[in-house]
Amino acid sequence: MPVPQPSETTRWRCAQCGNLTRFDVVRSSRVREFVHVNLAGAAKIEETDVLAESVERVVCRWCGGDGTVELVARPDSA
């Protein structure tokens, strides 16, 4: 189940320890990339378009809380 992402008025917070700044995020992405291969055969990605993206899991980096990260209002959004 996808995890809600922060917006301009919300942010992540760990309900277990109060962390607001450090999280391990597992994300799935579907992308289209423009790859330029030079004559020697070395490939370089020059452009990436994200077609779809989903955050699958967010874990608190401080306490290791899994499933404890919630969305809360940003202080300046009131």
PDB file of N, CA and C in Angstrom:
ATOM      1  N   MET A   1       0.846  -1.188   0.000  1.00  0.00           N
ATOM      2  CA  MET A   1       0.000   0.000   0.000  1.00  0.00           C
ATOM      3  C   MET A   1       0.886   1.243   0.000  1.00  0.00           C
ATOM      4  N   PRO A   2       0.659   2.162  -0.928  1.00  0.00           N
ATOM      5  CA  PRO A   2       1.490   3.368  -0.999  1.00  0.00           C
ATOM      6  C   PRO A   2       1.373   4.236   0.261  1.00  0.00           C
ATOM      7  N   VAL A   3       2.470   4.873   0.611  1.00  0.00           N
ATOM      8  CA  VAL A   3       2.527   5.762   1.769  1.00  0.00           C
ATOM      9  C   VAL A   3       2.210   7.175   1.302  1.00  0.00           C
ATOM     10  N   PRO A   4       1.359   7.903   2.024  1.00  0.00           N
ATOM     11  CA  PRO A   4       1.084   9.296   1.634  1.00  0.00           C
ATOM     12  C   PRO A   4       2.367  10.129   1.649  1.00  0.00           C
ATOM     13  N   GLN A   5       2.506  10.984   0.654  1.00  0.00           N
ATOM     14  CA  GLN A   5       3.694  11.821   0.549  1.00  0.00           C
ATOM     15  C   GLN A   5       3.418  13.206   1.118  1.00  0.00           C
ATOM     16  N   PRO A   6       4.459  13.831   1.679  1.00  0.00           N
ATOM     17  CA  PRO A   6       4.303  15.190   2.194  1.00  0.00           C
ATOM     18  C   PRO A   6       3.914  16.165   1.081  1.00  0.00           C
ATOM     19  N   SER A   7       3.233  17.218   1.483  1.00  0.00           N
ATOM     20  CA  SER A   7       2.816  18.251   0.540  1.00  0.00           C
ATOM     21  C   SER A   7       3.346  19.599   1.022  1.00  0.00           C
ATOM     22  N   GLU A   8       2.844  20.661   0.447  1.00  0.00           N
ATOM     23  CA  GLU A   8       3.263  22.000   0.885  1.00  0.00           C
ATOM     24  C   GLU A   8       2.784  22.308   2.292  1.00  0.00           C
ATOM     25  N   THR A   9       1.741  21.625   2.753  1.00  0.00           N
ATOM     26  CA  THR A   9       1.177  21.909   4.077  1.00  0.00           C
ATOM     27  C   THR A   9       1.407  20.785   5.088  1.00  0.00           C
ATOM     28  N   THR A  10       2.004  19.662   4.666  1.00  0.00           N
ATOM     29  CA  THR A  10       2.249  18.546   5.582  1.00  0.00           C
ATOM     30  C   THR A  10       3.691  18.074   5.488  1.00  0.00           C
ATOM     31  N   ARG A  11       4.109  17.295   6.480  1.00  0.00           N
ATOM     32  CA  ARG A  11       5.440  16.689   6.487  1.00  0.00           C
ATOM     33  C   ARG A  11       5.372  15.369   7.249  1.00  0.00           C
ATOM     34  N   TRP A  12       6.404  14.535   7.073  1.00  0.00           N
ATOM     35  CA  TRP A  12       6.472  13.274   7.800  1.00  0.00           C
ATOM     36  C   TRP A  12       6.959  13.512   9.219  1.00  0.00           C
ATOM     37  N   ARG A  13       6.455  12.690  10.149  1.00  0.00           N
ATOM     38  CA  ARG A  13       6.893  12.703  11.544  1.00  0.00           C
ATOM     39  C   ARG A  13       6.779  11.287  12.075  1.00  0.00           C
ATOM     40  N   CYS A  14       7.784  10.838  12.800  1.00  0.00           N
ATOM     41  CA  CYS A  14       7.720   9.527  13.428  1.00  0.00           C
ATOM     42  C   CYS A  14       6.926   9.653  14.719  1.00  0.00           C
ATOM     43  N   ALA A  15       5.840   8.910  14.826  1.00  0.00           N
ATOM     44  CA  ALA A  15       4.991   8.962  16.017  1.00  0.00           C
ATOM     45  C   ALA A  15       5.677   8.318  17.215  1.00  0.00           C
ATOM     46  N   GLN A  16       6.702   7.519  16.968  1.00  0.00           N
ATOM     47  CA  GLN A  16       7.384   6.816  18.052  1.00  0.00           C
ATOM     48  C   GLN A  16       8.431   7.684  18.739  1.00  0.00           C
ATOM     49  N   CYS A  17       9.259   8.401  17.964  1.00  0.00           N
ATOM     50  CA  CYS A  17      10.351   9.178  18.578  1.00  0.00           C
ATOM     51  C   CYS A  17      10.282  10.680  18.287  1.00  0.00           C
ATOM     52  N   GLY A  18       9.403  11.109  17.378  1.00  0.00           N
ATOM     53  CA  GLY A  18       9.275  12.532  17.073  1.00  0.00           C
ATOM     54  C   GLY A  18      10.160  13.031  15.946  1.00  0.00           C
ATOM     55  N   ASN A  19      10.964  12.168  15.327  1.00  0.00           N
ATOM     56  CA  ASN A  19      11.853  12.554  14.236  1.00  0.00           C
ATOM     57  C   ASN A  19      11.068  13.237  13.117  1.00  0.00           C
ATOM     58  N   LEU A  20      11.626  14.334  12.623  1.00  0.00           N
ATOM     59  CA  LEU A  20      11.019  15.074  11.508  1.00  0.00           C
ATOM     60  C   LEU A  20      11.932  15.150  10.288  1.00  0.00           C
ATOM     61  N   THR A  21      13.160  14.634  10.396  1.00  0.00           N
ATOM     62  CA  THR A  21      14.142  14.941   9.357  1.00  0.00           C
ATOM     63  C   THR A  21      14.835  13.759   8.679  1.00  0.00           C
ATOM     64  N   ARG A  22      14.848  12.570   9.255  1.00  0.00           N
ATOM     65  CA  ARG A  22      15.633  11.470   8.695  1.00  0.00           C
ATOM     66  C   ARG A  22      14.776  10.220   8.515  1.00  0.00           C
ATOM     67  N   PHE A  23      14.642   9.779   7.262  1.00  0.00           N
ATOM     68  CA  PHE A  23      13.817   8.615   6.953  1.00  0.00           C
ATOM     69  C   PHE A  23      14.467   7.786   5.855  1.00  0.00           C
ATOM     70  N   ASP A  24      14.296   6.471   5.930  1.00  0.00           N
ATOM     71  CA  ASP A  24      14.671   5.578   4.841  1.00  0.00           C
ATOM     72  C   ASP A  24      13.406   5.344   4.032  1.00  0.00           C
ATOM     73  N   VAL A  25      13.467   5.637   2.737  1.00  0.00           N
ATOM     74  CA  VAL A  25      12.294   5.581   1.872  1.00  0.00           C
ATOM     75  C   VAL A  25      12.511   4.533   0.781  1.00  0.00           C
ATOM     76  N   VAL A  26      11.556   3.599   0.659  1.00  0.00           N
ATOM     77  CA  VAL A  26      11.571   2.614  -0.424  1.00  0.00           C
ATOM     78  C   VAL A  26      10.559   3.098  -1.443  1.00  0.00           C
ATOM     79  N   ARG A  27      11.028   3.315  -2.664  1.00  0.00           N
ATOM     80  CA  ARG A  27      10.227   3.938  -3.710  1.00  0.00           C
ATOM     81  C   ARG A  27      10.281   3.103  -4.984  1.00  0.00           C
ATOM     82  N   SER A  28       9.157   2.937  -5.647  1.00  0.00           N
ATOM     83  CA  SER A  28       9.110   2.292  -6.962  1.00  0.00           C
ATOM     84  C   SER A  28       8.856   3.368  -7.999  1.00  0.00           C
ATOM     85  N   SER A  29       9.606   3.286  -9.093  1.00  0.00           N
ATOM     86  CA  SER A  29       9.456   4.286 -10.144  1.00  0.00           C
ATOM     87  C   SER A  29       9.362   3.611 -11.506  1.00  0.00           C
ATOM     88  N   ARG A  30       8.598   4.224 -12.370  1.00  0.00           N
ATOM     89  CA  ARG A  30       8.561   3.843 -13.785  1.00  0.00           C
ATOM     90  C   ARG A  30       9.050   5.066 -14.539  1.00  0.00           C
ATOM     91  N   VAL A  31      10.150   4.906 -15.268  1.00  0.00           N
ATOM     92  CA  VAL A  31      10.776   6.058 -15.922  1.00  0.00           C
ATOM     93  C   VAL A  31      11.036   5.785 -17.396  1.00  0.00           C
ATOM     94  N   ARG A  32      11.138   6.883 -18.135  1.00  0.00           N
ATOM     95  CA  ARG A  32      11.588   6.836 -19.522  1.00  0.00           C
ATOM     96  C   ARG A  32      12.897   7.611 -19.544  1.00  0.00           C
ATOM     97  N   GLU A  33      13.938   6.997 -20.122  1.00  0.00           N
ATOM     98  CA  GLU A  33      15.241   7.639 -20.149  1.00  0.00           C
ATOM     99  C   GLU A  33      15.749   7.781 -21.580  1.00  0.00           C
ATOM    100  N   PHE A  34      16.399   8.906 -21.832  1.00  0.00           N
ATOM    101  CA  PHE A  34      17.108   9.108 -23.097  1.00  0.00           C
ATOM    102  C   PHE A  34      18.553   8.715 -22.834  1.00  0.00           C
ATOM    103  N   VAL A  35      19.006   7.674 -23.525  1.00  0.00           N
ATOM    104  CA  VAL A  35      20.355   7.179 -23.340  1.00  0.00           C
ATOM    105  C   VAL A  35      21.180   7.502 -24.583  1.00  0.00           C
ATOM    106  N   HIS A  36      22.330   8.136 -24.369  1.00  0.00           N
ATOM    107  CA  HIS A  36      23.249   8.456 -25.458  1.00  0.00           C
ATOM    108  C   HIS A  36      24.422   7.497 -25.351  1.00  0.00           C
ATOM    109  N   VAL A  37      24.618   6.695 -26.379  1.00  0.00           N
ATOM    110  CA  VAL A  37      25.734   5.762 -26.417  1.00  0.00           C
ATOM    111  C   VAL A  37      26.768   6.331 -27.379  1.00  0.00           C
ATOM    112  N   ASN A  38      27.989   6.557 -26.873  1.00  0.00           N
ATOM    113  CA  ASN A  38      29.022   7.110 -27.754  1.00  0.00           C
ATOM    114  C   ASN A  38      29.598   6.018 -28.655  1.00  0.00           C
ATOM    115  N   LEU A  39      30.451   6.396 -29.567  1.00  0.00           N
ATOM    116  CA  LEU A  39      30.995   5.440 -30.539  1.00  0.00           C
ATOM    117  C   LEU A  39      31.840   4.341 -29.897  1.00  0.00           C
ATOM    118  N   ALA A  40      32.339   4.593 -28.706  1.00  0.00           N
ATOM    119  CA  ALA A  40      33.113   3.572 -27.983  1.00  0.00           C
ATOM    120  C   ALA A  40      32.196   2.580 -27.266  1.00  0.00           C
ATOM    121  N   GLY A  41      30.891   2.886 -27.232  1.00  0.00           N
ATOM    122  CA  GLY A  41      29.927   1.988 -26.597  1.00  0.00           C
ATOM    123  C   GLY A  41      29.562   2.337 -25.176  1.00  0.00           C
ATOM    124  N   ALA A  42      30.091   3.446 -24.655  1.00  0.00           N
ATOM    125  CA  ALA A  42      29.766   3.865 -23.292  1.00  0.00           C
ATOM    126  C   ALA A  42      28.421   4.600 -23.288  1.00  0.00           C
ATOM    127  N   ALA A  43      27.527   4.162 -22.417  1.00  0.00           N
ATOM    128  CA  ALA A  43      26.188   4.767 -22.338  1.00  0.00           C
ATOM    129  C   ALA A  43      26.134   5.825 -21.251  1.00  0.00           C
ATOM    130  N   LYS A  44      25.398   6.894 -21.529  1.00  0.00           N
ATOM    131  CA  LYS A  44      25.188   7.968 -20.561  1.00  0.00           C
ATOM    132  C   LYS A  44      23.723   8.353 -20.615  1.00  0.00           C
ATOM    133  N   ILE A  45      23.063   8.390 -19.457  1.00  0.00           N
ATOM    134  CA  ILE A  45      21.666   8.824 -19.387  1.00  0.00           C
ATOM    135  C   ILE A  45      21.657  10.345 -19.393  1.00  0.00           C
ATOM    136  N   GLU A  46      21.021  10.933 -20.396  1.00  0.00           N
ATOM    137  CA  GLU A  46      21.014  12.384 -20.538  1.00  0.00           C
ATOM    138  C   GLU A  46      19.697  13.012 -20.119  1.00  0.00           C
ATOM    139  N   GLU A  47      18.632  12.233 -20.061  1.00  0.00           N
ATOM    140  CA  GLU A  47      17.325  12.790 -19.703  1.00  0.00           C
ATOM    141  C   GLU A  47      16.489  11.686 -19.067  1.00  0.00           C
ATOM    142  N   THR A  48      15.805  12.010 -17.990  1.00  0.00           N
ATOM    143  CA  THR A  48      14.930  11.055 -17.316  1.00  0.00           C
ATOM    144  C   THR A  48      13.578  11.696 -17.081  1.00  0.00           C
ATOM    145  N   ASP A  49      12.523  11.025 -17.506  1.00  0.00           N
ATOM    146  CA  ASP A  49      11.150  11.455 -17.240  1.00  0.00           C
ATOM    147  C   ASP A  49      10.508  10.424 -16.322  1.00  0.00           C
ATOM    148  N   VAL A  50      10.013  10.864 -15.159  1.00  0.00           N
ATOM    149  CA  VAL A  50       9.326   9.963 -14.235  1.00  0.00           C
ATOM    150  C   VAL A  50       7.885   9.840 -14.703  1.00  0.00           C
ATOM    151  N   LEU A  51       7.490   8.641 -15.079  1.00  0.00           N
ATOM    152  CA  LEU A  51       6.134   8.386 -15.568  1.00  0.00           C
ATOM    153  C   LEU A  51       5.188   8.027 -14.433  1.00  0.00           C
ATOM    154  N   ALA A  52       5.687   7.316 -13.439  1.00  0.00           N
ATOM    155  CA  ALA A  52       4.890   6.937 -12.267  1.00  0.00           C
ATOM    156  C   ALA A  52       5.842   6.694 -11.112  1.00  0.00           C
ATOM    157  N   GLU A  53       5.382   7.038  -9.910  1.00  0.00           N
ATOM    158  CA  GLU A  53       6.221   6.849  -8.736  1.00  0.00           C
ATOM    159  C   GLU A  53       5.335   6.567  -7.541  1.00  0.00           C
ATOM    160  N   SER A  54       5.768   5.654  -6.697  1.00  0.00           N
ATOM    161  CA  SER A  54       5.004   5.285  -5.519  1.00  0.00           C
ATOM    162  C   SER A  54       5.956   5.039  -4.355  1.00  0.00           C
ATOM    163  N   VAL A  55       5.680   5.666  -3.211  1.00  0.00           N
ATOM    164  CA  VAL A  55       6.456   5.406  -2.002  1.00  0.00           C
ATOM    165  C   VAL A  55       5.816   4.202  -1.320  1.00  0.00           C
ATOM    166  N   GLU A  56       6.594   3.122  -1.196  1.00  0.00           N
ATOM    167  CA  GLU A  56       6.077   1.873  -0.648  1.00  0.00           C
ATOM    168  C   GLU A  56       6.249   1.766   0.856  1.00  0.00           C
ATOM    169  N   ARG A  57       7.323   2.374   1.367  1.00  0.00           N
ATOM    170  CA  ARG A  57       7.634   2.197   2.780  1.00  0.00           C
ATOM    171  C   ARG A  57       8.488   3.357   3.256  1.00  0.00           C
ATOM    172  N   VAL A  58       8.204   3.841   4.463  1.00  0.00           N
ATOM    173  CA  VAL A  58       9.010   4.881   5.089  1.00  0.00           C
ATOM    174  C   VAL A  58       9.348   4.399   6.502  1.00  0.00           C
ATOM    175  N   VAL A  59      10.641   4.337   6.800  1.00  0.00           N
ATOM    176  CA  VAL A  59      11.107   3.878   8.106  1.00  0.00           C
ATOM    177  C   VAL A  59      11.894   5.003   8.759  1.00  0.00           C
ATOM    178  N   CYS A  60      11.655   5.235  10.039  1.00  0.00           N
ATOM    179  CA  CYS A  60      12.381   6.268  10.778  1.00  0.00           C
ATOM    180  C   CYS A  60      13.851   5.878  10.890  1.00  0.00           C
ATOM    181  N   ARG A  61      14.728   6.765  10.508  1.00  0.00           N
ATOM    182  CA  ARG A  61      16.168   6.499  10.552  1.00  0.00           C
ATOM    183  C   ARG A  61      16.701   6.531  11.982  1.00  0.00           C
ATOM    184  N   TRP A  62      16.051   7.290  12.865  1.00  0.00           N
ATOM    185  CA  TRP A  62      16.525   7.426  14.242  1.00  0.00           C
ATOM    186  C   TRP A  62      16.205   6.198  15.085  1.00  0.00           C
ATOM    187  N   CYS A  63      14.936   5.772  15.094  1.00  0.00           N
ATOM    188  CA  CYS A  63      14.524   4.690  15.999  1.00  0.00           C
ATOM    189  C   CYS A  63      14.203   3.392  15.276  1.00  0.00           C
ATOM    190  N   GLY A  64      14.195   3.414  13.936  1.00  0.00           N
ATOM    191  CA  GLY A  64      13.888   2.209  13.180  1.00  0.00           C
ATOM    192  C   GLY A  64      12.408   1.894  13.107  1.00  0.00           C
ATOM    193  N   GLY A  65      11.588   2.843  13.538  1.00  0.00           N
ATOM    194  CA  GLY A  65      10.133   2.636  13.524  1.00  0.00           C
ATOM    195  C   GLY A  65       9.616   2.376  12.120  1.00  0.00           C
ATOM    196  N   ASP A  66       8.959   1.240  11.948  1.00  0.00           N
ATOM    197  CA  ASP A  66       8.384   0.854  10.657  1.00  0.00           C
ATOM    198  C   ASP A  66       6.870   0.908  10.809  1.00  0.00           C
ATOM    199  N   GLY A  67       6.221   1.732  10.019  1.00  0.00           N
ATOM    200  CA  GLY A  67       4.782   1.913  10.166  1.00  0.00           C
ATOM    201  C   GLY A  67       4.427   2.969  11.189  1.00  0.00           C
ATOM    202  N   THR A  68       5.421   3.698  11.685  1.00  0.00           N
ATOM    203  CA  THR A  68       5.178   4.732  12.691  1.00  0.00           C
ATOM    204  C   THR A  68       5.213   6.134  12.103  1.00  0.00           C
ATOM    205  N   VAL A  69       5.534   6.241  10.817  1.00  0.00           N
ATOM    206  CA  VAL A  69       5.650   7.560  10.183  1.00  0.00           C
ATOM    207  C   VAL A  69       4.268   8.017   9.725  1.00  0.00           C
ATOM    208  N   GLU A  70       3.928   9.232  10.122  1.00  0.00           N
ATOM    209  CA  GLU A  70       2.620   9.797   9.800  1.00  0.00           C
ATOM    210  C   GLU A  70       2.789  11.174   9.179  1.00  0.00           C
ATOM    211  N   LEU A  71       1.722  11.669   8.568  1.00  0.00           N
ATOM    212  CA  LEU A  71       1.724  13.039   8.053  1.00  0.00           C
ATOM    213  C   LEU A  71       1.186  13.975   9.130  1.00  0.00           C
ATOM    214  N   VAL A  72       1.900  15.085   9.336  1.00  0.00           N
ATOM    215  CA  VAL A  72       1.444  16.121  10.270  1.00  0.00           C
ATOM    216  C   VAL A  72       1.533  17.469   9.548  1.00  0.00           C
ATOM    217  N   ALA A  73       0.811  18.435  10.060  1.00  0.00           N
ATOM    218  CA  ALA A  73       0.822  19.779   9.466  1.00  0.00           C
ATOM    219  C   ALA A  73       2.178  20.445   9.689  1.00  0.00           C
ATOM    220  N   ARG A  74       2.626  21.180   8.691  1.00  0.00           N
ATOM    221  CA  ARG A  74       3.839  21.994   8.847  1.00  0.00           C
ATOM    222  C   ARG A  74       3.490  23.179   9.740  1.00  0.00           C
ATOM    223  N   PRO A  75       4.453  23.662  10.524  1.00  0.00           N
ATOM    224  CA  PRO A  75       4.153  24.767  11.432  1.00  0.00           C
ATOM    225  C   PRO A  75       3.722  26.049  10.726  1.00  0.00           C
ATOM    226  N   ASP A  76       4.203  26.288   9.519  1.00  0.00           N
ATOM    227  CA  ASP A  76       3.869  27.516   8.806  1.00  0.00           C
ATOM    228  C   ASP A  76       2.615  27.378   7.944  1.00  0.00           C
ATOM    229  N   SER A  77       1.909  26.242   8.028  1.00  0.00           N
ATOM    230  CA  SER A  77       0.718  26.034   7.185  1.00  0.00           C
ATOM    231  C   SER A  77      -0.570  26.432   7.882  1.00  0.00           C
ATOM    232  N   ALA A  78      -0.487  26.901   9.105  1.00  0.00           N
ATOM    233  CA  ALA A  78      -1.702  27.259   9.864  1.00  0.00           C
ATOM    234  C   ALA A  78      -2.270  28.580   9.424  1.00  0.00           C
TER     235      ALA A  78
END
